Amino acid sequence: MLLSRFFGIHHKISHPLKNVLRITMTTETTNNAPGIDLGGMRKPYNERHTTFTEDSLVAKEPIKQFQSWFDAACQTPNILEANAMCLSTASKTGKPSARYVLLKGYDKEGFRFFTNYSSRKGIELEENPFAALTFYWEPLLRSVRIEGAVKRIPAEASDEYFQSRPRSSQIGALVSPQSQSISSRQVLLDEEEKLTKQYADEKISIPRPEKWGGYIVIPEVFEFWQGQSTRIHDRIRFRRPVSIEEPDGVLTHQGDQGWIYERLAP
């Protein structure tokens, strides 16, 4: 096998997903570091009798469909934070970056989250105001991807949410110069201690820092994915029509509220 010849020495280790996982190591890489073949790591997903078809859609528009899947994720005990999502952004030159944030609200207008405007993601969203959100709910073998333009929410809405946070989290937002280099963790702890004393009286409102607030992702595309053991996964995408010829009733179908939907090959 080509991979075996390239990687060289084989080792066996135990792994919770399989009784035996083949790990392949070599010292032939250019930097003399061992190479690891993870080709044997695979997990069964849904079987043929459990598929996600167009008939399975609870709505012909993506917000209600998302709500259905999100509610199921919230009710699944092994999913600790159903609102955790990977936020992907890119610089003005197209260099991508990604990190996890928490969804803090959604409706037909868009999907809202809060962060530091001076962080890397904040800077990239100013330079290139588009983003992708990815939810992955492993116990359900489901994922949702959302793409769209991004803008800041009104300052009043950011103020309202900031005041709803625990005081320790409010102080944390004041403490952290997010994404900037610092000399040690102690720098943050010292600032936290100072601010905790400053705002010890809970009658004193902690002001929202100007560098911190909310964004809204205005969805243009939704993709709903459900895994299959055969890797013939189910993918249904909602988007806005791009020509008067859509929907054509064959590849693209009429949804509700101006959306069309289509099946994508996995």
Protein backbone atom coordinates (compact mmCIF):
# COMPACT_ATOMS: atom_id res chain seq x y z
CA MET A 1 0.00 0.00 0.00
CA LEU A 2 1.27 3.46 -0.88
CA LEU A 3 0.59 4.92 2.59
CA SER A 4 2.28 1.98 4.27
CA ARG A 5 5.39 2.33 2.10
CA PHE A 6 5.54 6.05 2.76
CA PHE A 7 5.07 5.96 6.53
CA GLY A 8 7.12 2.84 7.22
CA ILE A 9 6.85 1.42 10.74
CA HIS A 10 3.42 0.29 12.04
CA HIS A 11 2.27 0.39 15.66
CA LYS A 12 -0.95 -0.76 17.31
CA ILE A 13 -2.64 1.14 20.14
CA SER A 14 -5.99 0.85 21.88
CA HIS A 15 -8.64 3.43 21.08
CA PRO A 16 -12.20 3.91 22.35
CA LEU A 17 -13.63 4.04 18.83
CA LYS A 18 -12.14 0.75 17.72
CA ASN A 19 -10.55 -2.25 19.40
CA VAL A 20 -7.35 -1.70 17.47
CA LEU A 21 -6.26 1.43 15.66
CA ARG A 22 -3.38 1.25 13.24
CA ILE A 23 -0.92 4.10 13.77
CA THR A 24 1.93 4.41 11.31
CA MET A 25 5.12 6.23 12.18
CA THR A 26 8.22 7.20 10.28
CA THR A 27 11.39 9.20 10.69
CA GLU A 28 11.59 9.86 6.97
CA THR A 29 9.75 13.19 7.03
CA THR A 30 11.71 16.27 6.14
CA ASN A 31 11.92 17.54 9.72
CA ASN A 32 12.64 14.09 11.20
CA ALA A 33 9.36 14.18 13.12
CA PRO A 34 7.23 11.01 13.23
CA GLY A 35 4.34 10.84 10.78
CA ILE A 36 1.02 9.45 11.99
CA ASP A 37 -1.53 7.72 9.76
CA LEU A 38 -5.06 8.10 11.15
CA GLY A 39 -6.71 6.29 8.27
CA GLY A 40 -8.09 3.64 10.62
CA MET A 41 -10.03 6.14 12.72
CA ARG A 42 -13.63 5.90 11.64
CA LYS A 43 -16.94 5.66 13.41
CA PRO A 44 -20.28 4.30 12.19
CA TYR A 45 -22.98 6.90 11.61
CA ASN A 46 -26.60 6.41 10.63
CA GLU A 47 -27.61 3.35 8.66
CA ARG A 48 -29.60 3.23 5.44
CA HIS A 49 -32.99 3.21 7.19
CA THR A 50 -32.20 6.53 8.93
CA THR A 51 -31.73 9.19 6.30
CA PHE A 52 -32.40 12.91 6.03
CA THR A 53 -34.56 13.41 2.96
CA GLU A 54 -36.52 16.34 1.63
CA ASP A 55 -39.63 14.75 3.12
CA SER A 56 -37.93 14.97 6.53
CA LEU A 57 -37.80 18.78 6.47
CA VAL A 58 -40.02 20.25 9.17
CA ALA A 59 -40.23 23.47 7.17
CA LYS A 60 -39.44 24.66 3.68
CA GLU A 61 -37.44 27.55 5.09
CA PRO A 62 -34.18 27.30 7.06
CA ILE A 63 -34.93 29.16 10.30
CA LYS A 64 -37.66 26.75 11.42
CA GLN A 65 -35.57 23.82 10.23
CA PHE A 66 -32.64 25.09 12.29
CA GLN A 67 -34.91 25.59 15.30
CA SER A 68 -36.06 21.97 15.06
CA TRP A 69 -32.51 20.62 15.01
CA PHE A 70 -31.27 23.09 17.62
CA ASP A 71 -34.10 22.17 20.01
CA ALA A 72 -33.24 18.48 19.57
CA ALA A 73 -29.61 19.26 20.38
CA CYS A 74 -30.61 21.22 23.50
CA GLN A 75 -32.62 18.22 24.71
CA THR A 76 -29.79 15.72 24.14
CA PRO A 77 -28.03 15.10 27.49
CA ASN A 78 -24.58 14.42 26.01
CA ILE A 79 -24.52 17.80 24.25
CA LEU A 80 -23.26 20.22 26.89
CA GLU A 81 -23.46 23.42 24.84
CA ALA A 82 -25.77 23.12 21.87
CA ASN A 83 -25.12 26.79 21.09
CA ALA A 84 -21.36 26.32 20.63
CA MET A 85 -20.42 27.14 17.05
CA CYS A 86 -17.24 27.48 15.04
CA LEU A 87 -16.97 31.03 13.71
CA SER A 88 -14.82 31.30 10.58
CA THR A 89 -13.59 34.66 9.33
CA ALA A 90 -10.95 35.84 6.88
CA SER A 91 -8.63 38.81 6.61
CA LYS A 92 -8.84 41.30 3.75
CA THR A 93 -6.22 39.20 1.94
CA GLY A 94 -8.31 36.05 2.35
CA LYS A 95 -6.29 34.37 5.11
CA PRO A 96 -8.82 32.35 7.16
CA SER A 97 -9.09 31.80 10.89
CA ALA A 98 -11.61 29.93 13.04
CA ARG A 99 -12.58 29.65 16.69
CA TYR A 100 -15.52 28.58 18.85
CA VAL A 101 -17.98 31.11 20.24
CA LEU A 102 -21.47 30.81 21.70
CA LEU A 103 -24.64 31.67 19.83
CA LYS A 104 -26.62 34.11 21.97
CA GLY A 105 -29.78 34.52 19.93
CA TYR A 106 -31.30 34.01 16.50
CA ASP A 107 -34.38 34.86 14.48
CA LYS A 108 -35.21 35.48 10.84
CA GLU A 109 -32.93 38.54 10.91
CA GLY A 110 -29.82 36.54 11.79
CA PHE A 111 -27.57 34.85 14.33
CA ARG A 112 -26.03 36.87 17.16
CA PHE A 113 -22.84 36.48 19.17
CA PHE A 114 -20.69 38.74 21.33
CA THR A 115 -16.95 39.30 21.43
CA ASN A 116 -14.12 41.80 21.69
CA TYR A 117 -14.08 44.14 18.70
CA SER A 118 -10.28 44.38 18.98
CA SER A 119 -9.73 40.61 18.82
CA ARG A 120 -8.49 38.90 15.68
CA LYS A 121 -12.01 37.97 14.64
CA GLY A 122 -13.21 41.50 15.32
CA ILE A 123 -10.46 43.00 13.19
CA GLU A 124 -11.12 40.53 10.39
CA LEU A 125 -14.84 41.23 10.47
CA GLU A 126 -14.11 44.94 10.06
CA GLU A 127 -11.81 44.24 7.10
CA ASN A 128 -13.96 41.54 5.51
CA PRO A 129 -17.53 41.53 6.90
CA PHE A 130 -18.50 37.97 6.02
CA ALA A 131 -18.44 34.82 8.13
CA ALA A 132 -19.40 31.15 8.30
CA LEU A 133 -20.88 29.44 11.34
CA THR A 134 -20.67 25.69 11.88
CA PHE A 135 -22.59 23.72 14.49
CA TYR A 136 -21.69 20.06 15.06
CA TRP A 137 -23.85 17.94 17.34
CA GLU A 138 -21.96 14.65 17.42
CA PRO A 139 -24.50 12.52 19.35
CA LEU A 140 -27.10 13.40 16.72
CA LEU A 141 -24.65 13.01 13.82
CA ARG A 142 -25.82 16.38 12.54
CA SER A 143 -24.18 19.60 11.50
CA VAL A 144 -25.47 22.96 10.28
CA ARG A 145 -23.40 25.47 8.34
CA ILE A 146 -24.51 29.09 7.88
CA GLU A 147 -22.86 31.73 5.69
CA GLY A 148 -23.59 35.41 5.43
CA ALA A 149 -22.66 39.03 5.82
CA VAL A 150 -21.89 40.35 9.30
CA LYS A 151 -22.53 43.66 11.00
CA ARG A 152 -22.43 45.01 14.54
CA ILE A 153 -25.69 45.07 16.45
CA PRO A 154 -26.85 48.40 17.97
CA ALA A 155 -24.93 49.57 21.06
CA GLU A 156 -28.13 49.48 23.11
CA ALA A 157 -28.57 45.77 22.41
CA SER A 158 -24.95 45.11 23.40
CA ASP A 159 -25.47 47.11 26.61
CA GLU A 160 -28.57 45.10 27.47
CA TYR A 161 -26.85 41.76 26.98
CA PHE A 162 -23.70 42.88 28.81
CA GLN A 163 -25.75 43.83 31.88
CA SER A 164 -27.42 40.41 31.85
CA ARG A 165 -24.08 38.61 32.22
CA PRO A 166 -22.69 37.52 35.61
CA ARG A 167 -20.55 40.27 37.15
CA SER A 168 -17.50 38.02 36.97
CA SER A 169 -17.99 37.76 33.20
CA GLN A 170 -18.46 41.50 32.92
CA ILE A 171 -15.17 42.03 34.72
CA GLY A 172 -13.56 39.41 32.50
CA ALA A 173 -14.51 41.45 29.42
CA LEU A 174 -12.87 44.51 30.99
CA VAL A 175 -9.76 42.57 31.97
CA SER A 176 -8.83 40.90 28.71
CA PRO A 177 -7.08 42.64 25.79
CA GLN A 178 -8.26 39.73 23.66
CA SER A 179 -5.81 38.27 21.12
CA GLN A 180 -2.97 40.54 22.27
CA SER A 181 0.28 39.16 23.68
CA ILE A 182 0.67 39.33 27.46
CA SER A 183 3.62 38.44 29.68
CA SER A 184 1.78 36.00 31.94
CA ARG A 185 -1.62 34.91 33.28
CA GLN A 186 -0.82 36.86 36.43
CA VAL A 187 -1.27 40.10 34.48
CA LEU A 188 -4.93 39.19 33.98
CA LEU A 189 -5.39 38.04 37.57
CA ASP A 190 -3.94 41.28 38.94
CA GLU A 191 -6.29 43.34 36.79
CA GLU A 192 -9.22 41.13 37.77
CA GLU A 193 -8.45 41.63 41.46
CA LYS A 194 -8.24 45.39 41.01
CA LEU A 195 -11.55 45.61 39.16
CA THR A 196 -13.29 43.21 41.56
CA LYS A 197 -12.41 45.56 44.41
CA GLN A 198 -13.43 48.60 42.36
CA TYR A 199 -16.86 47.10 41.70
CA ALA A 200 -17.31 45.29 45.00
CA ASP A 201 -20.51 47.23 45.61
CA GLU A 202 -23.03 45.44 43.41
CA LYS A 203 -25.16 48.56 43.32
CA ILE A 204 -22.49 50.04 41.06
CA SER A 205 -23.15 49.10 37.45
CA ILE A 206 -20.16 47.83 35.48
CA PRO A 207 -20.00 49.68 32.15
CA ARG A 208 -19.71 47.77 28.92
CA PRO A 209 -16.29 48.43 27.40
CA GLU A 210 -16.44 50.17 24.02
CA LYS A 211 -14.21 47.42 22.56
CA TRP A 212 -16.79 44.73 23.37
CA GLY A 213 -20.20 44.04 21.82
CA GLY A 214 -22.37 42.01 19.52
CA TYR A 215 -22.46 40.98 15.88
CA ILE A 216 -25.21 39.53 13.75
CA VAL A 217 -24.62 37.11 10.88
CA ILE A 218 -27.27 37.75 8.23
CA PRO A 219 -27.77 34.34 6.62
CA GLU A 220 -27.49 33.88 2.89
CA VAL A 221 -26.87 30.11 2.84
CA PHE A 222 -27.79 27.25 5.22
CA GLU A 223 -26.59 23.69 4.86
CA PHE A 224 -28.07 20.85 6.92
CA TRP A 225 -25.86 17.74 7.09
CA GLN A 226 -26.58 14.30 8.55
CA GLY A 227 -23.98 11.53 8.57
CA GLN A 228 -24.33 8.08 7.04
CA SER A 229 -22.10 5.07 7.72
CA THR A 230 -21.64 4.56 3.98
CA ARG A 231 -20.29 8.13 3.80
CA ILE A 232 -23.14 8.87 1.39
CA HIS A 233 -24.09 11.68 3.75
CA ASP A 234 -27.26 13.74 3.44
CA ARG A 235 -26.81 17.42 2.59
CA ILE A 236 -29.69 19.83 2.00
CA ARG A 237 -28.89 23.46 1.27
CA PHE A 238 -31.16 26.49 1.48
CA ARG A 239 -30.19 29.65 -0.39
CA ARG A 240 -31.64 32.57 -2.26
CA PRO A 241 -32.23 32.13 -6.01
CA VAL A 242 -29.54 33.64 -8.23
CA SER A 243 -31.50 33.74 -11.50
CA ILE A 244 -35.06 33.80 -12.79
CA GLU A 245 -34.57 30.18 -13.89
CA GLU A 246 -34.50 29.02 -10.27
CA PRO A 247 -36.12 26.98 -8.93
CA ASP A 248 -36.26 24.57 -11.84
CA GLY A 249 -38.16 21.79 -10.01
CA VAL A 250 -35.39 19.30 -10.74
CA LEU A 251 -32.23 20.40 -8.97
CA THR A 252 -33.69 23.36 -7.09
CA HIS A 253 -37.08 23.49 -5.37
CA GLN A 254 -39.32 26.29 -4.16
CA GLY A 255 -39.17 26.90 -0.44
CA ASP A 256 -40.96 29.44 1.71
CA GLN A 257 -40.17 33.10 2.43
CA GLY A 258 -38.06 33.52 -0.70
CA TRP A 259 -35.76 30.55 -0.11
CA ILE A 260 -35.03 27.67 -2.47
CA TYR A 261 -33.53 24.34 -1.45
CA GLU A 262 -31.45 21.68 -3.13
CA ARG A 263 -29.65 18.42 -2.36
CA LEU A 264 -25.87 18.39 -2.57
CA ALA A 265 -23.72 15.38 -3.27
CA PRO A 266 -21.65 14.38 -0.21
